[in-house]
Protein backbone atom coordinates (compact mmCIF):
# COMPACT_ATOMS: atom_id res chain seq x y z
CA MET A 1 0.00 0.00 0.00
CA ALA A 2 2.84 2.40 0.77
CA ALA A 3 4.20 2.02 -2.78
CA ILE A 4 0.85 3.00 -4.29
CA ASN A 5 0.64 6.05 -2.05
CA TYR A 6 4.22 7.01 -2.98
CA LEU A 7 3.42 6.71 -6.69
CA ALA A 8 0.33 8.87 -6.35
CA VAL A 9 2.24 11.57 -4.49
CA ARG A 10 5.09 11.42 -7.00
CA ASP A 11 2.70 11.72 -9.95
CA LEU A 12 0.95 14.67 -8.34
CA ALA A 13 4.28 16.41 -7.68
CA VAL A 14 5.48 15.82 -11.24
CA ARG A 15 2.19 17.11 -12.63
CA GLU A 16 2.49 20.31 -10.59
CA LEU A 17 6.10 20.84 -11.69
CA VAL A 18 5.36 20.25 -15.36
CA LYS A 19 2.22 22.37 -15.44
CA ARG A 20 3.16 25.81 -16.68
CA GLU A 21 1.13 28.94 -16.64
CA ARG A 22 1.21 31.37 -19.53
CA ASN A 23 4.09 33.79 -19.49
CA TRP A 24 3.79 37.56 -19.15
CA ALA A 25 3.95 38.23 -22.90
CA ALA A 26 1.14 35.79 -23.61
CA ARG A 27 -1.05 37.42 -20.97
CA ASN A 28 -0.37 40.98 -22.23
CA PRO A 29 -0.19 40.99 -26.03
CA GLY A 30 -1.19 44.66 -26.29
CA VAL A 31 1.73 45.83 -24.18
CA VAL A 32 4.12 43.70 -26.22
CA LEU A 33 2.74 45.23 -29.41
CA VAL A 34 3.33 48.74 -28.05
CA PHE A 35 6.91 47.80 -27.11
CA VAL A 36 7.53 46.47 -30.62
CA ILE A 37 6.10 49.59 -32.28
CA VAL A 38 8.17 51.89 -30.04
CA PHE A 39 11.29 49.84 -30.79
CA ILE A 40 10.70 50.02 -34.55
CA VAL A 41 10.14 53.80 -34.42
CA ALA A 42 13.26 54.29 -32.29
CA VAL A 43 15.38 52.22 -34.69
CA ALA A 44 13.99 54.16 -37.66
CA LEU A 45 14.75 57.54 -36.06
CA LEU A 46 18.20 56.39 -35.05
CA SER A 47 18.98 55.16 -38.55
CA VAL A 48 17.76 58.45 -40.08
CA GLY A 49 19.97 60.41 -37.69
CA ILE A 50 23.00 58.25 -38.42
CA GLY A 51 22.35 58.53 -42.16
CA ARG A 52 22.25 62.32 -41.93
CA LYS A 53 25.51 62.42 -39.99
CA ILE A 54 27.19 60.19 -42.57
CA SER A 55 25.93 62.32 -45.46
CA GLN A 56 27.13 65.51 -43.71
CA ARG A 57 30.58 63.99 -43.27
CA ARG A 58 30.69 62.90 -46.90
CA SER A 59 29.70 66.35 -48.14
CA ALA A 60 32.21 68.05 -45.82
CA LYS A 61 34.91 65.67 -47.00
CA ALA A 62 34.01 66.33 -50.65
CA GLU A 63 34.27 70.11 -50.11
CA MET A 64 37.74 69.74 -48.62
CA VAL A 65 39.06 67.83 -51.63
């Protein structure tokens, strides 16, 4: 009888360990979408700024030559 009780307790413990609840991103898809949009806008603005700096350097270098 003790072996059966041990198996039942072990199965219950394994079931509780394996059972996973949904992560934060799955529970809040709207917030994740806002983060993604903000990231894309930030990368776009950063790339535009870097592109302008590079073009200014190229034009300044061309004027010197």
